[in-house]
Protein backbone atom coordinates (compact mmCIF):
# COMPACT_ATOMS: atom_id res chain seq x y z
CA MET A 1 73.04 98.04 92.33
CA ASP A 2 75.94 95.78 93.15
CA CYS A 3 76.81 97.23 96.55
CA ILE A 4 77.86 94.69 99.17
CA PHE A 5 76.72 96.93 102.05
CA CYS A 6 73.30 97.39 100.45
CA LYS A 7 73.06 93.60 100.21
CA ILE A 8 74.08 93.21 103.86
CA ALA A 9 71.53 95.84 104.93
CA ALA A 10 68.84 94.03 102.92
CA GLY A 11 69.68 90.73 104.62
CA GLU A 12 70.93 89.14 101.38
CA ILE A 13 74.42 88.63 102.83
CA PRO A 14 74.78 87.56 106.47
CA CYS A 15 76.73 89.55 109.02
CA LYS A 16 77.40 89.45 112.74
CA LYS A 17 74.99 92.20 113.82
CA ILE A 18 75.66 94.44 116.77
CA TYR A 19 72.87 96.99 116.37
CA GLU A 20 70.03 97.64 113.96
CA ASP A 21 67.16 100.06 113.65
CA GLU A 22 65.03 101.17 110.70
CA ARG A 23 67.80 103.38 109.24
CA VAL A 24 71.16 101.96 110.39
CA LEU A 25 72.93 98.62 110.70
CA ALA A 26 76.11 97.91 112.67
CA PHE A 27 78.10 94.72 112.41
CA PHE A 28 81.58 93.39 113.12
CA ASP A 29 84.24 93.91 110.44
CA ILE A 30 85.50 90.64 108.94
CA GLN A 31 89.09 91.99 108.94
CA PRO A 32 89.33 93.68 112.35
CA GLN A 33 92.06 96.25 112.95
CA ALA A 34 91.43 96.40 116.72
CA PRO A 35 89.92 94.08 119.36
CA VAL A 36 86.58 95.76 118.59
CA HIS A 37 86.07 96.80 114.98
CA ALA A 38 82.49 97.54 113.97
CA LEU A 39 81.11 98.97 110.76
CA ILE A 40 78.13 101.29 110.99
CA ILE A 41 76.23 101.77 107.74
CA PRO A 42 73.09 103.61 106.70
CA LYS A 43 70.48 101.44 105.03
CA THR A 44 70.10 104.21 102.45
CA HIS A 45 72.85 104.16 99.85
CA VAL A 46 75.13 107.20 99.81
CA ALA A 47 78.52 106.50 98.23
CA SER A 48 80.67 108.44 100.73
CA ALA A 49 80.83 111.44 103.04
CA ASP A 50 81.98 113.42 100.00
CA GLU A 51 78.57 112.91 98.41
CA LEU A 52 76.48 114.12 101.35
CA THR A 53 74.18 117.03 100.56
CA ALA A 54 71.63 119.07 102.48
CA GLN A 55 69.05 116.49 101.36
CA THR A 56 71.08 113.48 102.59
CA ALA A 57 72.66 114.98 105.71
CA GLY A 58 70.15 113.06 107.82
CA VAL A 59 71.83 109.84 106.72
CA ALA A 60 75.06 110.96 108.39
CA ALA A 61 73.11 112.00 111.49
CA ASP A 62 71.57 108.52 111.65
CA VAL A 63 74.99 106.86 111.44
CA PHE A 64 76.60 109.12 114.05
CA GLY A 65 73.53 108.79 116.26
CA ALA A 66 74.12 105.04 116.33
CA VAL A 67 77.80 105.35 117.29
CA PRO A 68 77.33 105.59 121.09
CA LYS A 69 74.74 102.78 121.02
CA VAL A 70 77.15 100.49 119.17
CA ALA A 71 80.03 101.49 121.47
CA ARG A 72 77.94 100.66 124.55
CA ALA A 73 76.81 97.35 123.02
CA CYS A 74 80.50 96.48 122.46
CA GLY A 75 81.46 97.43 126.03
CA LEU A 76 83.67 100.35 124.99
CA THR A 77 83.71 102.38 128.20
CA ARG A 78 87.24 103.83 127.99
CA GLY A 79 86.97 105.39 124.55
CA TYR A 80 87.05 104.53 120.88
CA ARG A 81 87.83 105.93 117.45
CA VAL A 82 85.35 106.64 114.64
CA ILE A 83 86.67 106.84 111.08
CA THR A 84 85.06 107.24 107.69
CA ASN A 85 87.24 106.82 104.62
CA VAL A 86 86.56 108.75 101.41
CA GLY A 87 87.78 107.81 97.95
CA GLU A 88 90.80 105.92 96.72
CA ASP A 89 93.43 108.00 98.55
CA GLY A 90 91.36 107.73 101.73
CA CYS A 91 91.37 103.92 101.37
CA GLN A 92 87.59 103.63 100.96
CA SER A 93 87.18 100.00 99.90
CA VAL A 94 83.36 99.94 99.70
CA ARG A 95 81.57 102.80 97.94
CA HIS A 96 78.82 103.04 100.56
CA LEU A 97 79.07 105.53 103.42
CA HIS A 98 80.21 103.75 106.56
CA CYS A 99 82.01 104.42 109.81
CA HIS A 100 84.60 102.21 111.40
CA LEU A 101 84.29 102.10 115.18
CA LEU A 102 87.57 100.90 116.70
CA GLY A 103 88.35 100.21 120.33
CA GLY A 104 89.00 97.63 122.98
CA ARG A 105 92.58 98.78 123.65
CA LYS A 106 94.65 101.97 123.72
CA LEU A 107 94.83 103.00 120.06
CA PRO A 108 97.98 104.55 118.56
CA GLU A 109 97.98 108.33 118.32
CA GLU A 110 99.41 108.39 114.81
CA MET A 111 97.16 107.24 112.03
CA GLY A 112 99.55 105.71 109.57
């Protein structure tokens, strides 16, 4: 598989880690859209939220379970935004389920 996030999770490509456990990895985005912009990925490959099933729902639970840990590690005490993009129209650039955690300032109410 030629998935960049799988390679990052496997340690084949370096990243600036924020949080890691046996199922999830969080690291800083290389093209931040906010003062804090983290990516939270499952170590198990699922292409997107659109491909979650009853059998893989635990992967999403692992990712969302890591969100408050990553937010705390980044010092986000006043709030943050969590986004997952799906497909081409949703601007998903990497076909591996991931959440963007954005914060560090008051974020705009409109999304685009």
